[in-house]
Amino acid sequence: MRNQTKNIAPASRQSLVAPAVPAASVDDTAAFLREAPLLLAVLGIEVPPRVPSRAATFAQQDLRKLDNELGPETDRALRQLMEHGTDRTGTDLGPAVVRLRGLGELVQRRTDSAAVLSRVRALLDYAETQQRVYDHDAVLMLETVGAAVAYLGQFDDALRDRYSATLAVLSTRNGKIAEGRANARTHVPQPPR
């Protein structure tokens, strides 16, 4: 009989247990994200071996940079070159345009790459938002446990040791919040004179 009652919390402790996470609702983004699958796991995407950073790649290969704002204009210019065709461009501009070979493949790769980047950015935004919801839920759970330990620890000294990791996270988090508030007070921007 002892094993059957072991997991039943005393009435005084039941109110300290965090409520269950609510079911997802169309109007509640956080609830939806709590229930939503982790996309990378669902899609089975494996991250390829690390590619050197952009800065290192540019330094090593002297790659020419293109400002993001010029992307659409660059695409228009490349399409215009495709419309002219290599024969016409060669006639107009001479042998200096030998590099135009592979133009169609370049245009297609740029188009595909832009589409991939757009989807990856959307996926990153989704994953970061989902992580913020999980972080929020974790803090709520830890705060609930911390409050219970703070109260019940008055009657049971061993509780603080048993839940030391929770108390450490809350202490560090509270310290960072206090530090941020103090910095905000000391670094108040001055109005222009």
Protein backbone atom coordinates (compact mmCIF):
# COMPACT_ATOMS: atom_id res chain seq x y z
CA MET A 1 0.00 0.00 0.00
CA ARG A 2 2.90 2.31 0.70
CA ASN A 3 4.04 2.30 -2.96
CA GLN A 4 0.56 3.22 -4.17
CA THR A 5 0.38 6.42 -2.07
CA LYS A 6 4.00 7.46 -2.52
CA ASN A 7 3.32 9.81 -5.48
CA ILE A 8 0.32 11.58 -3.97
CA ALA A 9 1.28 15.07 -2.84
CA PRO A 10 0.02 16.35 0.51
CA ALA A 11 -2.79 18.90 0.22
CA SER A 12 -0.48 21.71 1.36
CA ARG A 13 1.86 21.11 -1.61
CA GLN A 14 -0.72 20.55 -4.36
CA SER A 15 -1.36 24.27 -4.88
CA LEU A 16 2.33 24.82 -5.65
CA VAL A 17 2.34 22.55 -8.70
CA ALA A 18 2.35 24.41 -12.04
CA PRO A 19 -0.83 23.97 -14.08
CA ALA A 20 -0.68 21.81 -17.19
CA VAL A 21 0.19 23.59 -20.43
CA PRO A 22 -3.07 24.52 -22.17
CA ALA A 23 -4.03 22.91 -25.47
CA ALA A 24 -3.07 24.85 -28.60
CA SER A 25 -5.51 27.43 -29.85
CA VAL A 26 -5.54 29.11 -33.26
CA ASP A 27 -5.48 32.52 -31.56
CA ASP A 28 -2.69 31.67 -29.12
CA THR A 29 0.68 31.62 -30.86
CA ALA A 30 2.57 30.51 -27.76
CA ALA A 31 0.21 27.60 -27.18
CA PHE A 32 0.51 26.60 -30.82
CA LEU A 33 4.32 26.68 -30.66
CA ARG A 34 4.32 24.55 -27.51
CA GLU A 35 2.52 21.81 -29.41
CA ALA A 36 4.20 22.30 -32.81
CA PRO A 37 6.86 19.80 -33.88
CA LEU A 38 10.50 20.75 -34.04
CA LEU A 39 10.92 21.31 -37.77
CA LEU A 40 14.49 20.13 -38.24
CA ALA A 41 13.68 16.81 -36.62
CA VAL A 42 10.53 16.42 -38.70
CA LEU A 43 12.23 17.36 -41.96
CA GLY A 44 15.24 15.15 -41.25
CA ILE A 45 17.61 17.97 -42.20
CA GLU A 46 21.24 17.33 -41.39
CA VAL A 47 23.58 20.27 -41.08
CA PRO A 48 26.47 19.95 -43.56
CA PRO A 49 30.07 20.20 -42.36
CA ARG A 50 30.94 23.70 -41.26
CA VAL A 51 31.69 26.15 -44.03
CA PRO A 52 34.26 28.85 -43.24
CA SER A 53 32.75 32.14 -42.19
CA ARG A 54 31.91 34.66 -44.89
CA ALA A 55 34.63 37.05 -43.75
CA ALA A 56 37.29 34.33 -43.92
CA THR A 57 36.04 33.19 -47.33
CA PHE A 58 36.17 36.72 -48.74
CA ALA A 59 39.66 37.28 -47.37
CA GLN A 60 40.97 33.99 -48.79
CA GLN A 61 39.36 34.17 -52.22
CA ASP A 62 38.98 37.92 -52.68
CA LEU A 63 35.27 37.46 -53.45
CA ARG A 64 33.46 40.57 -54.61
CA LYS A 65 30.61 41.59 -52.34
CA LEU A 66 27.14 42.58 -53.49
CA ASP A 67 24.95 44.71 -51.27
CA ASN A 68 21.61 43.06 -50.48
CA GLU A 69 19.75 46.06 -51.88
CA LEU A 70 21.35 45.42 -55.27
CA GLY A 71 20.10 41.83 -55.46
CA PRO A 72 16.93 42.54 -57.48
CA GLU A 73 18.76 44.96 -59.77
CA THR A 74 21.49 42.36 -60.32
CA ASP A 75 18.87 39.76 -61.22
CA ARG A 76 17.32 42.18 -63.75
CA ALA A 77 20.72 42.88 -65.30
CA LEU A 78 21.51 39.16 -65.58
CA ARG A 79 18.12 38.45 -67.15
CA GLN A 80 18.76 41.26 -69.64
CA LEU A 81 22.07 39.63 -70.57
CA MET A 82 20.24 36.32 -71.05
CA GLU A 83 17.70 38.03 -73.30
CA HIS A 84 20.48 39.42 -75.48
CA GLY A 85 22.10 35.99 -75.67
CA THR A 86 25.83 35.30 -75.74
CA ASP A 87 26.01 35.72 -79.52
CA ARG A 88 24.53 39.22 -79.44
CA THR A 89 26.55 40.21 -76.38
CA GLY A 90 29.71 38.81 -78.00
CA THR A 91 29.02 40.79 -81.17
CA ASP A 92 28.32 43.97 -79.20
CA LEU A 93 31.12 43.70 -76.68
CA GLY A 94 33.72 41.40 -78.20
CA PRO A 95 35.87 38.74 -76.58
CA ALA A 96 35.85 40.52 -73.20
CA VAL A 97 32.59 38.76 -72.36
CA VAL A 98 33.95 35.20 -72.37
CA ARG A 99 32.88 34.96 -68.72
CA LEU A 100 29.23 35.02 -69.78
CA ARG A 101 29.38 31.29 -70.43
CA GLY A 102 27.32 29.62 -67.71
CA LEU A 103 25.09 32.68 -67.37
CA GLY A 104 21.85 30.64 -67.38
CA GLU A 105 23.17 28.33 -64.67
CA LEU A 106 24.30 31.32 -62.59
CA VAL A 107 20.87 32.98 -62.84
CA GLN A 108 19.17 29.73 -61.81
CA ARG A 109 21.56 29.17 -58.90
CA ARG A 110 21.06 32.74 -57.65
CA THR A 111 17.28 32.28 -57.86
CA ASP A 112 17.42 28.94 -56.04
CA SER A 113 19.80 30.30 -53.43
CA ALA A 114 17.55 33.31 -52.74
CA ALA A 115 14.57 30.98 -52.29
CA VAL A 116 16.55 28.75 -49.91
CA LEU A 117 17.76 31.77 -47.90
CA SER A 118 14.21 33.06 -47.58
CA ARG A 119 12.97 29.70 -46.32
CA VAL A 120 15.93 29.28 -43.95
CA ARG A 121 15.38 32.75 -42.49
CA ALA A 122 11.69 31.95 -41.96
CA LEU A 123 12.66 28.62 -40.36
CA LEU A 124 15.22 30.37 -38.13
CA ASP A 125 12.63 32.93 -37.05
CA TYR A 126 10.15 30.14 -36.31
CA ALA A 127 12.70 28.11 -34.34
CA GLU A 128 13.87 31.15 -32.34
CA THR A 129 10.26 32.06 -31.49
CA GLN A 130 9.57 28.48 -30.47
CA GLN A 131 12.71 28.49 -28.27
CA ARG A 132 11.58 31.73 -26.58
CA VAL A 133 8.26 30.05 -25.70
CA TYR A 134 10.10 27.03 -24.28
CA ASP A 135 12.44 29.34 -22.31
CA HIS A 136 9.39 31.18 -20.91
CA ASP A 137 7.78 27.90 -19.86
CA ALA A 138 11.03 26.71 -18.27
CA VAL A 139 11.35 29.92 -16.24
CA LEU A 140 7.74 29.62 -15.04
CA MET A 141 8.35 26.02 -13.92
CA LEU A 142 11.62 26.91 -12.20
CA GLU A 143 10.01 29.90 -10.47
CA THR A 144 7.20 27.66 -9.21
CA VAL A 145 9.71 25.16 -7.84
CA GLY A 146 11.86 27.98 -6.41
CA ALA A 147 8.88 29.49 -4.58
CA ALA A 148 7.96 26.09 -3.15
CA VAL A 149 11.54 25.43 -2.04
CA ALA A 150 11.79 28.90 -0.48
CA TYR A 151 8.67 28.29 1.57
CA LEU A 152 9.00 24.59 2.38
CA GLY A 153 12.77 24.89 2.87
CA GLN A 154 12.00 26.65 6.13
CA PHE A 155 10.76 23.29 7.43
CA ASP A 156 13.14 20.96 5.54
CA ASP A 157 16.76 22.10 5.20
CA ALA A 158 17.57 19.33 2.71
CA LEU A 159 15.25 20.82 0.07
CA ARG A 160 17.70 23.60 -0.81
CA ASP A 161 20.41 21.02 -1.55
CA ARG A 162 18.05 18.76 -3.52
CA TYR A 163 16.94 21.65 -5.74
CA SER A 164 20.25 23.51 -5.85
CA ALA A 165 20.39 23.63 -9.67
CA THR A 166 16.97 25.33 -9.81
CA LEU A 167 17.97 27.83 -7.13
CA ALA A 168 21.26 28.55 -8.93
CA VAL A 169 19.50 29.33 -12.22
CA LEU A 170 16.99 31.61 -10.49
CA SER A 171 19.70 33.37 -8.50
CA THR A 172 21.83 34.00 -11.60
CA ARG A 173 18.79 35.14 -13.62
CA ASN A 174 17.67 37.53 -10.87
CA GLY A 175 21.21 38.89 -10.59
CA LYS A 176 21.36 39.59 -14.34
CA ILE A 177 17.97 41.32 -14.23
CA ALA A 178 19.10 43.50 -11.31
CA GLU A 179 22.36 44.29 -13.13
CA GLY A 180 20.47 45.27 -16.27
CA ARG A 181 18.17 47.56 -14.30
CA ALA A 182 21.11 49.19 -12.55
CA ASN A 183 22.88 49.75 -15.88
CA ALA A 184 19.72 51.24 -17.36
CA ARG A 185 19.51 53.73 -14.48
CA THR A 186 23.17 54.78 -14.75
CA HIS A 187 23.18 55.05 -18.56
CA VAL A 188 20.15 57.24 -19.06
CA PRO A 189 20.53 59.07 -22.38
CA GLN A 190 20.79 62.81 -22.00
CA PRO A 191 18.59 65.07 -24.10
CA PRO A 192 20.44 67.06 -26.78
CA ARG A 193 21.51 70.56 -25.78
